[in-house]
Amino acid sequence: MSNKLKLATIWLDGCSGCHMSFLDIDERLLALAEKVDVVFSPLVDCKEFPEDVDITLVEGALGTEEDLHKIKKIRARTKILIAFGDCAVTANIPSMRNPFGVEETLKTVYLDKEAINQQIPGEPLPPLLPRALPLHNYVKVDLFLPGCPPSAQTIFTVLNDLIEGRTPDISALTRFGA
């Protein structure tokens, strides 16, 4: 049995830029890998969010009923939940649909702007929530890591601090663009 911390990442309603920034940690990922087991992520082949996760980075806003179901399960199974990037912190880009409403957004995207096979998809598309909202509107968030995306240095510093049992000073990191 490993005594490493369990780290998870998940991408909800957003662009994946935060995960790309996470990968920009480059060789420092090897240093993190010595201290954590990545137990769930778009980067690993695990389909079910595990129990007893120590740290979860959540990228993206909550825009669908599926996202809401996922975040509630993740919160229940995670010790430290981090809103990872501006979409998770403020709903940023996904919330641009909010003033228009669900029906008008779907109509514009799938009927007005589509040239071929104009139709609003059914089953494969999870139902949209009335508004895209940040994580803290639905679950308790332990740490907010803003940025679009947060820098690789900021991500590494925050994770390393948490792994080493220190409280990260997010304000200092984001203020100076670390």
N, C-alpha and C. Protein backbone atom coordinates (compact mmCIF):
# COMPACT_ATOMS: atom_id res chain seq x y z
N MET A 1 0.84 -1.19 0.00
CA MET A 1 0.00 0.00 0.00
C MET A 1 0.88 1.24 0.00
N SER A 2 0.59 2.16 -0.90
CA SER A 2 1.37 3.38 -1.04
C SER A 2 1.01 4.38 0.05
N ASN A 3 2.01 5.11 0.54
CA ASN A 3 1.73 6.17 1.52
C ASN A 3 1.73 7.54 0.85
N LYS A 4 1.69 7.54 -0.48
CA LYS A 4 1.62 8.79 -1.23
C LYS A 4 0.22 9.39 -1.11
N LEU A 5 0.15 10.71 -1.21
CA LEU A 5 -1.15 11.37 -1.28
C LEU A 5 -1.84 11.02 -2.59
N LYS A 6 -3.16 11.02 -2.57
CA LYS A 6 -3.94 10.76 -3.78
C LYS A 6 -4.35 12.10 -4.38
N LEU A 7 -3.95 12.31 -5.64
CA LEU A 7 -4.26 13.53 -6.38
C LEU A 7 -5.19 13.20 -7.54
N ALA A 8 -6.21 14.03 -7.71
CA ALA A 8 -7.13 13.88 -8.84
C ALA A 8 -7.27 15.23 -9.54
N THR A 9 -7.55 15.16 -10.82
CA THR A 9 -7.91 16.37 -11.56
C THR A 9 -9.13 16.02 -12.40
N ILE A 10 -9.97 17.01 -12.63
CA ILE A 10 -11.14 16.79 -13.48
C ILE A 10 -11.41 18.06 -14.26
N TRP A 11 -11.94 17.87 -15.44
CA TRP A 11 -12.24 18.96 -16.36
C TRP A 11 -13.74 18.96 -16.59
N LEU A 12 -14.42 20.00 -16.14
CA LEU A 12 -15.87 20.11 -16.34
C LEU A 12 -16.13 21.02 -17.53
N ASP A 13 -16.88 22.09 -17.36
CA ASP A 13 -17.27 22.98 -18.46
C ASP A 13 -16.22 24.07 -18.62
N GLY A 14 -15.24 23.84 -19.46
CA GLY A 14 -14.16 24.78 -19.70
C GLY A 14 -13.37 24.36 -20.92
N CYS A 15 -12.20 24.94 -21.10
CA CYS A 15 -11.46 24.76 -22.35
C CYS A 15 -10.31 23.77 -22.28
N SER A 16 -9.94 23.28 -21.15
CA SER A 16 -8.80 22.39 -20.89
C SER A 16 -7.49 23.14 -20.74
N GLY A 17 -7.51 24.46 -20.81
CA GLY A 17 -6.28 25.24 -20.66
C GLY A 17 -5.59 25.04 -19.32
N CYS A 18 -6.35 24.85 -18.27
CA CYS A 18 -5.76 24.63 -16.94
C CYS A 18 -4.99 23.31 -16.90
N HIS A 19 -5.54 22.28 -17.53
CA HIS A 19 -4.81 21.01 -17.59
C HIS A 19 -3.55 21.14 -18.45
N MET A 20 -3.61 21.95 -19.51
CA MET A 20 -2.41 22.17 -20.32
C MET A 20 -1.35 22.89 -19.49
N SER A 21 -1.78 23.85 -18.68
CA SER A 21 -0.84 24.54 -17.80
C SER A 21 -0.27 23.59 -16.76
N PHE A 22 -1.10 22.68 -16.24
CA PHE A 22 -0.62 21.64 -15.32
C PHE A 22 0.49 20.83 -15.99
N LEU A 23 0.30 20.45 -17.24
CA LEU A 23 1.32 19.69 -17.96
C LEU A 23 2.58 20.51 -18.21
N ASP A 24 2.44 21.84 -18.25
CA ASP A 24 3.60 22.72 -18.43
C ASP A 24 4.54 22.71 -17.23
N ILE A 25 4.16 22.02 -16.15
CA ILE A 25 5.07 21.86 -15.02
C ILE A 25 6.34 21.13 -15.49
N ASP A 26 6.19 20.39 -16.60
CA ASP A 26 7.30 19.68 -17.24
C ASP A 26 7.99 18.69 -16.30
N GLU A 27 9.31 18.78 -16.18
CA GLU A 27 10.06 17.79 -15.41
C GLU A 27 9.69 17.79 -13.93
N ARG A 28 9.10 18.87 -13.45
CA ARG A 28 8.66 18.90 -12.05
C ARG A 28 7.51 17.93 -11.80
N LEU A 29 6.85 17.48 -12.88
CA LEU A 29 5.84 16.44 -12.73
C LEU A 29 6.45 15.17 -12.14
N LEU A 30 7.70 14.92 -12.49
CA LEU A 30 8.39 13.74 -11.93
C LEU A 30 8.59 13.89 -10.43
N ALA A 31 8.91 15.11 -9.99
CA ALA A 31 9.05 15.35 -8.54
C ALA A 31 7.72 15.15 -7.84
N LEU A 32 6.63 15.62 -8.46
CA LEU A 32 5.30 15.41 -7.87
C LEU A 32 4.94 13.93 -7.86
N ALA A 33 5.30 13.23 -8.93
CA ALA A 33 4.96 11.80 -9.03
C ALA A 33 5.61 10.97 -7.94
N GLU A 34 6.71 11.46 -7.39
CA GLU A 34 7.34 10.76 -6.28
C GLU A 34 6.53 10.90 -4.99
N LYS A 35 5.69 11.93 -4.93
CA LYS A 35 4.96 12.24 -3.70
C LYS A 35 3.46 11.96 -3.77
N VAL A 36 2.91 11.82 -4.98
CA VAL A 36 1.47 11.61 -5.14
C VAL A 36 1.19 10.49 -6.14
N ASP A 37 0.03 9.90 -5.97
CA ASP A 37 -0.51 8.99 -6.97
C ASP A 37 -1.66 9.73 -7.65
N VAL A 38 -1.57 9.89 -8.97
CA VAL A 38 -2.67 10.50 -9.71
C VAL A 38 -3.71 9.40 -9.91
N VAL A 39 -4.82 9.53 -9.18
CA VAL A 39 -5.83 8.47 -9.13
C VAL A 39 -7.02 8.71 -10.05
N PHE A 40 -7.15 9.94 -10.53
CA PHE A 40 -8.24 10.26 -11.46
C PHE A 40 -7.85 11.51 -12.21
N SER A 41 -8.03 11.50 -13.53
CA SER A 41 -7.66 12.65 -14.35
C SER A 41 -7.96 12.33 -15.81
N PRO A 42 -8.10 13.36 -16.65
CA PRO A 42 -8.16 13.08 -18.09
C PRO A 42 -6.85 12.45 -18.57
N LEU A 43 -5.82 12.51 -17.72
CA LEU A 43 -4.51 12.00 -18.09
C LEU A 43 -4.31 10.53 -17.73
N VAL A 44 -5.26 9.92 -17.00
CA VAL A 44 -5.16 8.51 -16.62
C VAL A 44 -6.44 7.78 -17.03
N ASP A 45 -6.37 6.49 -17.09
CA ASP A 45 -7.49 5.69 -17.54
C ASP A 45 -8.28 5.13 -16.36
N CYS A 46 -9.01 6.00 -15.70
CA CYS A 46 -9.86 5.61 -14.57
C CYS A 46 -11.24 6.20 -14.84
N LYS A 47 -12.27 5.38 -14.79
CA LYS A 47 -13.62 5.83 -15.16
C LYS A 47 -14.47 6.26 -13.97
N GLU A 48 -14.16 5.78 -12.78
CA GLU A 48 -14.95 6.08 -11.58
C GLU A 48 -14.12 6.89 -10.61
N PHE A 49 -14.65 8.01 -10.13
CA PHE A 49 -13.92 8.83 -9.18
C PHE A 49 -13.77 8.05 -7.88
N PRO A 50 -12.52 7.89 -7.41
CA PRO A 50 -12.28 7.03 -6.24
C PRO A 50 -12.66 7.68 -4.91
N GLU A 51 -12.66 6.88 -3.88
CA GLU A 51 -12.90 7.33 -2.50
C GLU A 51 -11.59 7.89 -1.94
N ASP A 52 -11.70 8.69 -0.91
CA ASP A 52 -10.56 9.14 -0.10
C ASP A 52 -9.44 9.80 -0.90
N VAL A 53 -9.80 10.75 -1.74
CA VAL A 53 -8.81 11.52 -2.50
C VAL A 53 -8.34 12.66 -1.61
N ASP A 54 -7.04 12.89 -1.58
CA ASP A 54 -6.50 13.95 -0.74
C ASP A 54 -6.69 15.34 -1.36
N ILE A 55 -6.36 15.49 -2.64
CA ILE A 55 -6.43 16.79 -3.32
C ILE A 55 -7.07 16.58 -4.69
N THR A 56 -8.07 17.42 -5.01
CA THR A 56 -8.65 17.40 -6.35
C THR A 56 -8.63 18.80 -6.94
N LEU A 57 -8.03 18.91 -8.12
CA LEU A 57 -8.07 20.14 -8.90
C LEU A 57 -9.26 20.03 -9.84
N VAL A 58 -10.20 20.98 -9.74
CA VAL A 58 -11.39 20.95 -10.59
C VAL A 58 -11.34 22.14 -11.54
N GLU A 59 -11.20 21.83 -12.82
CA GLU A 59 -11.20 22.86 -13.87
C GLU A 59 -12.60 22.97 -14.45
N GLY A 60 -13.05 24.18 -14.68
CA GLY A 60 -14.31 24.41 -15.38
C GLY A 60 -15.45 24.76 -14.46
N ALA A 61 -16.44 25.40 -15.08
CA ALA A 61 -17.66 25.78 -14.39
C ALA A 61 -18.62 24.59 -14.37
N LEU A 62 -19.72 24.77 -13.68
CA LEU A 62 -20.79 23.78 -13.66
C LEU A 62 -21.84 24.26 -14.66
N GLY A 63 -21.93 23.55 -15.78
CA GLY A 63 -22.83 23.97 -16.83
C GLY A 63 -23.91 22.97 -17.17
N THR A 64 -23.76 21.72 -16.71
CA THR A 64 -24.74 20.68 -17.02
C THR A 64 -25.16 19.94 -15.75
N GLU A 65 -26.26 19.24 -15.87
CA GLU A 65 -26.71 18.40 -14.75
C GLU A 65 -25.67 17.33 -14.44
N GLU A 66 -24.97 16.84 -15.47
CA GLU A 66 -23.92 15.85 -15.28
C GLU A 66 -22.77 16.43 -14.45
N ASP A 67 -22.39 17.69 -14.74
CA ASP A 67 -21.34 18.36 -13.95
C ASP A 67 -21.75 18.46 -12.49
N LEU A 68 -22.99 18.81 -12.24
CA LEU A 68 -23.49 18.96 -10.88
C LEU A 68 -23.43 17.62 -10.14
N HIS A 69 -23.83 16.55 -10.80
CA HIS A 69 -23.75 15.21 -10.20
C HIS A 69 -22.29 14.86 -9.87
N LYS A 70 -21.39 15.12 -10.83
CA LYS A 70 -19.97 14.81 -10.63
C LYS A 70 -19.39 15.58 -9.45
N ILE A 71 -19.66 16.91 -9.40
CA ILE A 71 -19.00 17.73 -8.37
C ILE A 71 -19.49 17.34 -6.98
N LYS A 72 -20.72 16.95 -6.84
CA LYS A 72 -21.21 16.52 -5.53
C LYS A 72 -20.51 15.23 -5.08
N LYS A 73 -20.31 14.30 -6.01
CA LYS A 73 -19.58 13.06 -5.69
C LYS A 73 -18.13 13.38 -5.36
N ILE A 74 -17.51 14.23 -6.16
CA ILE A 74 -16.10 14.59 -5.94
C ILE A 74 -15.93 15.25 -4.58
N ARG A 75 -16.82 16.18 -4.24
CA ARG A 75 -16.73 16.87 -2.94
C ARG A 75 -16.84 15.87 -1.80
N ALA A 76 -17.74 14.93 -1.92
CA ALA A 76 -17.93 13.93 -0.85
C ALA A 76 -16.72 13.02 -0.69
N ARG A 77 -15.91 12.89 -1.74
CA ARG A 77 -14.79 11.95 -1.72
C ARG A 77 -13.43 12.63 -1.66
N THR A 78 -13.40 13.95 -1.48
CA THR A 78 -12.14 14.70 -1.52
C THR A 78 -11.92 15.49 -0.24
N LYS A 79 -10.69 15.44 0.27
CA LYS A 79 -10.34 16.22 1.46
C LYS A 79 -10.13 17.70 1.12
N ILE A 80 -9.33 17.99 0.08
CA ILE A 80 -9.06 19.38 -0.32
C ILE A 80 -9.50 19.55 -1.76
N LEU A 81 -10.54 20.34 -1.97
CA LEU A 81 -11.06 20.61 -3.31
C LEU A 81 -10.60 21.99 -3.74
N ILE A 82 -9.94 22.05 -4.90
CA ILE A 82 -9.40 23.31 -5.41
C ILE A 82 -10.17 23.71 -6.67
N ALA A 83 -10.76 24.92 -6.65
CA ALA A 83 -11.33 25.51 -7.86
C ALA A 83 -10.15 25.98 -8.70
N PHE A 84 -9.92 25.33 -9.82
CA PHE A 84 -8.70 25.39 -10.61
C PHE A 84 -8.94 26.21 -11.87
N GLY A 85 -8.56 27.49 -11.85
CA GLY A 85 -8.73 28.36 -13.00
C GLY A 85 -9.99 29.20 -12.90
N ASP A 86 -10.03 30.24 -13.75
CA ASP A 86 -11.11 31.22 -13.69
C ASP A 86 -12.50 30.64 -13.96
N CYS A 87 -12.61 29.63 -14.82
CA CYS A 87 -13.94 29.05 -15.06
C CYS A 87 -14.50 28.39 -13.80
N ALA A 88 -13.63 27.72 -13.04
CA ALA A 88 -14.08 27.10 -11.78
C ALA A 88 -14.31 28.14 -10.69
N VAL A 89 -13.51 29.22 -10.72
CA VAL A 89 -13.59 30.25 -9.67
C VAL A 89 -14.74 31.22 -9.93
N THR A 90 -14.94 31.64 -11.20
CA THR A 90 -15.94 32.67 -11.50
C THR A 90 -16.97 32.26 -12.55
N ALA A 91 -16.82 31.11 -13.16
CA ALA A 91 -17.62 30.60 -14.28
C ALA A 91 -17.22 31.25 -15.61
N ASN A 92 -16.37 32.21 -15.59
CA ASN A 92 -15.72 32.85 -16.73
C ASN A 92 -16.40 32.60 -18.08
N ILE A 93 -15.74 31.96 -19.02
CA ILE A 93 -16.25 31.77 -20.38
C ILE A 93 -17.56 30.99 -20.43
N PRO A 94 -17.71 29.88 -19.70
CA PRO A 94 -18.99 29.16 -19.78
C PRO A 94 -20.20 30.02 -19.40
N SER A 95 -19.99 31.01 -18.53
CA SER A 95 -21.12 31.84 -18.10
C SER A 95 -21.54 32.87 -19.14
N MET A 96 -20.81 32.97 -20.23
CA MET A 96 -21.20 33.92 -21.28
C MET A 96 -22.56 33.58 -21.88
N ARG A 97 -23.00 32.33 -21.72
CA ARG A 97 -24.33 31.95 -22.21
C ARG A 97 -25.45 32.39 -21.28
N ASN A 98 -25.12 32.73 -20.04
CA ASN A 98 -26.14 32.99 -19.03
C ASN A 98 -27.17 34.06 -19.42
N PRO A 99 -26.77 35.19 -19.98
CA PRO A 99 -27.78 36.20 -20.32
C PRO A 99 -28.80 35.76 -21.37
N PHE A 100 -28.44 34.75 -22.15
CA PHE A 100 -29.29 34.33 -23.26
C PHE A 100 -30.24 33.19 -22.90
N GLY A 101 -29.92 32.43 -21.88
CA GLY A 101 -30.75 31.30 -21.49
C GLY A 101 -30.42 30.06 -22.29
N VAL A 102 -30.87 28.93 -21.80
CA VAL A 102 -30.55 27.63 -22.40
C VAL A 102 -31.13 27.51 -23.80
N GLU A 103 -32.41 27.76 -23.96
CA GLU A 103 -33.06 27.54 -25.27
C GLU A 103 -32.45 28.42 -26.35
N GLU A 104 -32.23 29.69 -26.06
CA GLU A 104 -31.66 30.60 -27.06
C GLU A 104 -30.22 30.21 -27.40
N THR A 105 -29.47 29.78 -26.40
CA THR A 105 -28.09 29.34 -26.64
C THR A 105 -28.07 28.12 -27.56
N LEU A 106 -28.88 27.12 -27.26
CA LEU A 106 -28.93 25.92 -28.09
C LEU A 106 -29.40 26.24 -29.50
N LYS A 107 -30.40 27.09 -29.62
CA LYS A 107 -30.93 27.49 -30.94
C LYS A 107 -29.83 28.18 -31.75
N THR A 108 -29.14 29.11 -31.13
CA THR A 108 -28.10 29.85 -31.85
C THR A 108 -26.96 28.94 -32.29
N VAL A 109 -26.50 28.08 -31.41
CA VAL A 109 -25.36 27.22 -31.72
C VAL A 109 -25.72 26.14 -32.73
N TYR A 110 -26.84 25.46 -32.54
CA TYR A 110 -27.14 24.28 -33.35
C TYR A 110 -28.06 24.54 -34.54
N LEU A 111 -28.82 25.63 -34.53
CA LEU A 111 -29.72 25.88 -35.65
C LEU A 111 -29.28 27.09 -36.48
N ASP A 112 -29.01 28.20 -35.83
CA ASP A 112 -28.67 29.42 -36.57
C ASP A 112 -27.27 29.39 -37.16
N LYS A 113 -26.32 28.75 -36.49
CA LYS A 113 -24.91 28.78 -36.91
C LYS A 113 -24.47 27.52 -37.64
N GLU A 114 -25.25 26.49 -37.64
CA GLU A 114 -24.88 25.21 -38.25
C GLU A 114 -25.37 25.18 -39.69
N ALA A 115 -24.50 24.80 -40.61
CA ALA A 115 -24.87 24.75 -42.02
C ALA A 115 -25.42 23.38 -42.44
N ILE A 116 -24.93 22.33 -41.81
CA ILE A 116 -25.31 20.96 -42.18
C ILE A 116 -26.01 20.30 -41.00
N ASN A 117 -27.08 19.56 -41.29
CA ASN A 117 -27.78 18.77 -40.26
C ASN A 117 -28.20 19.63 -39.07
N GLN A 118 -28.96 20.66 -39.34
CA GLN A 118 -29.39 21.56 -38.28
C GLN A 118 -30.40 20.87 -37.36
N GLN A 119 -29.95 20.63 -36.12
CA GLN A 119 -30.83 20.06 -35.10
C GLN A 119 -30.17 20.20 -33.74
N ILE A 120 -30.97 20.37 -32.74
CA ILE A 120 -30.46 20.42 -31.37
C ILE A 120 -30.29 18.97 -30.91
N PRO A 121 -29.06 18.58 -30.53
CA PRO A 121 -28.85 17.18 -30.13
C PRO A 121 -29.64 16.82 -28.88
N GLY A 122 -29.98 15.56 -28.79
CA GLY A 122 -30.74 15.08 -27.63
C GLY A 122 -29.86 14.33 -26.67
N GLU A 123 -29.97 13.03 -26.66
CA GLU A 123 -29.34 12.15 -25.68
C GLU A 123 -27.84 12.35 -25.45
N PRO A 124 -26.99 12.44 -26.46
CA PRO A 124 -25.57 12.53 -26.10
C PRO A 124 -25.20 13.84 -25.40
N LEU A 125 -26.05 14.83 -25.48
CA LEU A 125 -25.79 16.11 -24.85
C LEU A 125 -26.45 16.15 -23.48
N PRO A 126 -25.65 16.25 -22.40
CA PRO A 126 -26.28 16.32 -21.07
C PRO A 126 -27.10 17.60 -20.95
N PRO A 127 -28.23 17.54 -20.25
CA PRO A 127 -29.05 18.74 -20.10
C PRO A 127 -28.27 19.88 -19.44
N LEU A 128 -28.40 21.07 -20.01
CA LEU A 128 -27.74 22.25 -19.46
C LEU A 128 -28.47 22.73 -18.22
N LEU A 129 -27.71 23.21 -17.26
CA LEU A 129 -28.30 23.90 -16.11
C LEU A 129 -28.80 25.26 -16.60
N PRO A 130 -29.75 25.87 -15.91
CA PRO A 130 -30.25 27.18 -16.36
C PRO A 130 -29.14 28.23 -16.50
N ARG A 131 -28.12 28.12 -15.66
CA ARG A 131 -26.98 29.06 -15.71
C ARG A 131 -25.70 28.28 -15.42
N ALA A 132 -24.63 28.64 -16.13
CA ALA A 132 -23.31 28.09 -15.79
C ALA A 132 -22.80 28.87 -14.59
N LEU A 133 -22.37 28.16 -13.56
CA LEU A 133 -21.97 28.81 -12.31
C LEU A 133 -20.65 28.23 -11.80
N PRO A 134 -19.93 29.01 -10.99
CA PRO A 134 -18.68 28.51 -10.42
C PRO A 134 -18.95 27.43 -9.37
N LEU A 135 -17.91 26.68 -9.05
CA LEU A 135 -18.04 25.54 -8.14
C LEU A 135 -18.64 25.90 -6.79
N HIS A 136 -18.18 27.03 -6.22
CA HIS A 136 -18.62 27.36 -4.86
C HIS A 136 -20.11 27.65 -4.75
N ASN A 137 -20.81 27.78 -5.88
CA ASN A 137 -22.26 27.93 -5.83
C ASN A 137 -22.96 26.62 -5.47
N TYR A 138 -22.26 25.49 -5.60
CA TYR A 138 -22.87 24.20 -5.35
C TYR A 138 -22.20 23.38 -4.25
N VAL A 139 -20.88 23.56 -4.09
CA VAL A 139 -20.15 22.77 -3.09
C VAL A 139 -19.13 23.65 -2.37
N LYS A 140 -18.67 23.18 -1.22
CA LYS A 140 -17.63 23.88 -0.49
C LYS A 140 -16.30 23.72 -1.24
N VAL A 141 -15.66 24.86 -1.49
CA VAL A 141 -14.35 24.88 -2.12
C VAL A 141 -13.33 25.24 -1.05
N ASP A 142 -12.24 24.49 -0.97
CA ASP A 142 -11.23 24.72 0.05
C ASP A 142 -10.17 25.74 -0.38
N LEU A 143 -9.92 25.83 -1.67
CA LEU A 143 -8.86 26.71 -2.17
C LEU A 143 -9.23 27.19 -3.57
N PHE A 144 -9.05 28.47 -3.81
CA PHE A 144 -9.32 29.05 -5.11
C PHE A 144 -8.00 29.35 -5.79
N LEU A 145 -7.80 28.80 -6.99
CA LEU A 145 -6.57 28.99 -7.74
C LEU A 145 -6.94 29.68 -9.05
N PRO A 146 -7.01 31.04 -9.03
CA PRO A 146 -7.46 31.77 -10.21
C PRO A 146 -6.39 31.79 -11.30
N GLY A 147 -6.82 32.26 -12.47
CA GLY A 147 -5.95 32.39 -13.62
C GLY A 147 -6.62 31.76 -14.82
N CYS A 148 -6.28 32.26 -15.99
CA CYS A 148 -6.88 31.74 -17.22
C CYS A 148 -5.77 31.48 -18.24
N PRO A 149 -5.07 30.39 -18.02
CA PRO A 149 -5.05 29.47 -16.88
C PRO A 149 -4.07 29.94 -15.82
N PRO A 150 -4.09 29.31 -14.64
CA PRO A 150 -3.03 29.59 -13.67
C PRO A 150 -1.70 29.15 -14.28
N SER A 151 -0.64 29.83 -13.92
CA SER A 151 0.67 29.47 -14.48
C SER A 151 1.13 28.12 -13.94
N ALA A 152 1.99 27.47 -14.70
CA ALA A 152 2.56 26.19 -14.27
C ALA A 152 3.28 26.36 -12.93
N GLN A 153 3.99 27.48 -12.76
CA GLN A 153 4.71 27.72 -11.52
C GLN A 153 3.74 27.83 -10.33
N THR A 154 2.64 28.52 -10.54
CA THR A 154 1.64 28.65 -9.47
C THR A 154 1.06 27.28 -9.11
N ILE A 155 0.70 26.51 -10.12
CA ILE A 155 0.13 25.18 -9.88
C ILE A 155 1.12 24.31 -9.11
N PHE A 156 2.36 24.29 -9.57
CA PHE A 156 3.37 23.48 -8.91
C PHE A 156 3.58 23.92 -7.47
N THR A 157 3.69 25.23 -7.25
CA THR A 157 3.94 25.75 -5.90
C THR A 157 2.79 25.38 -4.96
N VAL A 158 1.56 25.56 -5.41
CA VAL A 158 0.39 25.25 -4.59
C VAL A 158 0.36 23.76 -4.26
N LEU A 159 0.53 22.91 -5.26
CA LEU A 159 0.51 21.47 -5.02
C LEU A 159 1.65 21.05 -4.10
N ASN A 160 2.84 21.56 -4.36
CA ASN A 160 3.99 21.20 -3.53
C ASN A 160 3.78 21.64 -2.08
N ASP A 161 3.26 22.87 -1.89
CA ASP A 161 2.97 23.33 -0.53
C ASP A 161 1.98 22.39 0.17
N LEU A 162 0.90 22.06 -0.52
CA LEU A 162 -0.11 21.17 0.08
C LEU A 162 0.47 19.80 0.40
N ILE A 163 1.23 19.27 -0.51
CA ILE A 163 1.84 17.95 -0.31
C ILE A 163 2.79 17.97 0.89
N GLU A 164 3.51 19.08 1.05
CA GLU A 164 4.46 19.22 2.15
C GLU A 164 3.79 19.67 3.45
N GLY A 165 2.46 19.84 3.43
CA GLY A 165 1.73 20.21 4.64
C GLY A 165 1.72 21.69 4.95
N ARG A 166 2.09 22.52 3.97
CA ARG A 166 2.08 23.98 4.15
C ARG A 166 0.82 24.57 3.54
N THR A 167 0.40 25.71 4.08
CA THR A 167 -0.73 26.43 3.51
C THR A 167 -0.21 27.35 2.41
N PRO A 168 -0.69 27.15 1.17
CA PRO A 168 -0.20 28.00 0.07
C PRO A 168 -0.68 29.43 0.22
N ASP A 169 0.17 30.38 -0.15
CA ASP A 169 -0.20 31.80 -0.16
C ASP A 169 -0.57 32.17 -1.60
N ILE A 170 -1.82 31.91 -1.96
CA ILE A 170 -2.29 32.14 -3.32
C ILE A 170 -2.18 33.61 -3.70
N SER A 171 -2.46 34.51 -2.77
CA SER A 171 -2.43 35.94 -3.11
C SER A 171 -1.04 36.37 -3.57
N ALA A 172 0.00 35.89 -2.93
CA ALA A 172 1.36 36.25 -3.34
C ALA A 172 1.68 35.65 -4.72
N LEU A 173 1.24 34.44 -4.95
CA LEU A 173 1.53 33.78 -6.23
C LEU A 173 0.83 34.47 -7.39
N THR A 174 -0.44 34.79 -7.21
CA THR A 174 -1.21 35.37 -8.32
C THR A 174 -0.89 36.86 -8.49
N ARG A 175 -0.54 37.53 -7.43
CA ARG A 175 -0.24 38.96 -7.51
C ARG A 175 0.99 39.21 -8.38
N PHE A 176 1.98 38.33 -8.29
CA PHE A 176 3.21 38.53 -9.03
C PHE A 176 3.31 37.64 -10.26
N GLY A 177 2.23 36.98 -10.61
CA GLY A 177 2.21 36.17 -11.84
C GLY A 177 3.15 35.00 -11.80
N ALA A 178 3.38 34.43 -10.64
CA ALA A 178 4.31 33.29 -10.50
C ALA A 178 3.85 32.10 -11.31
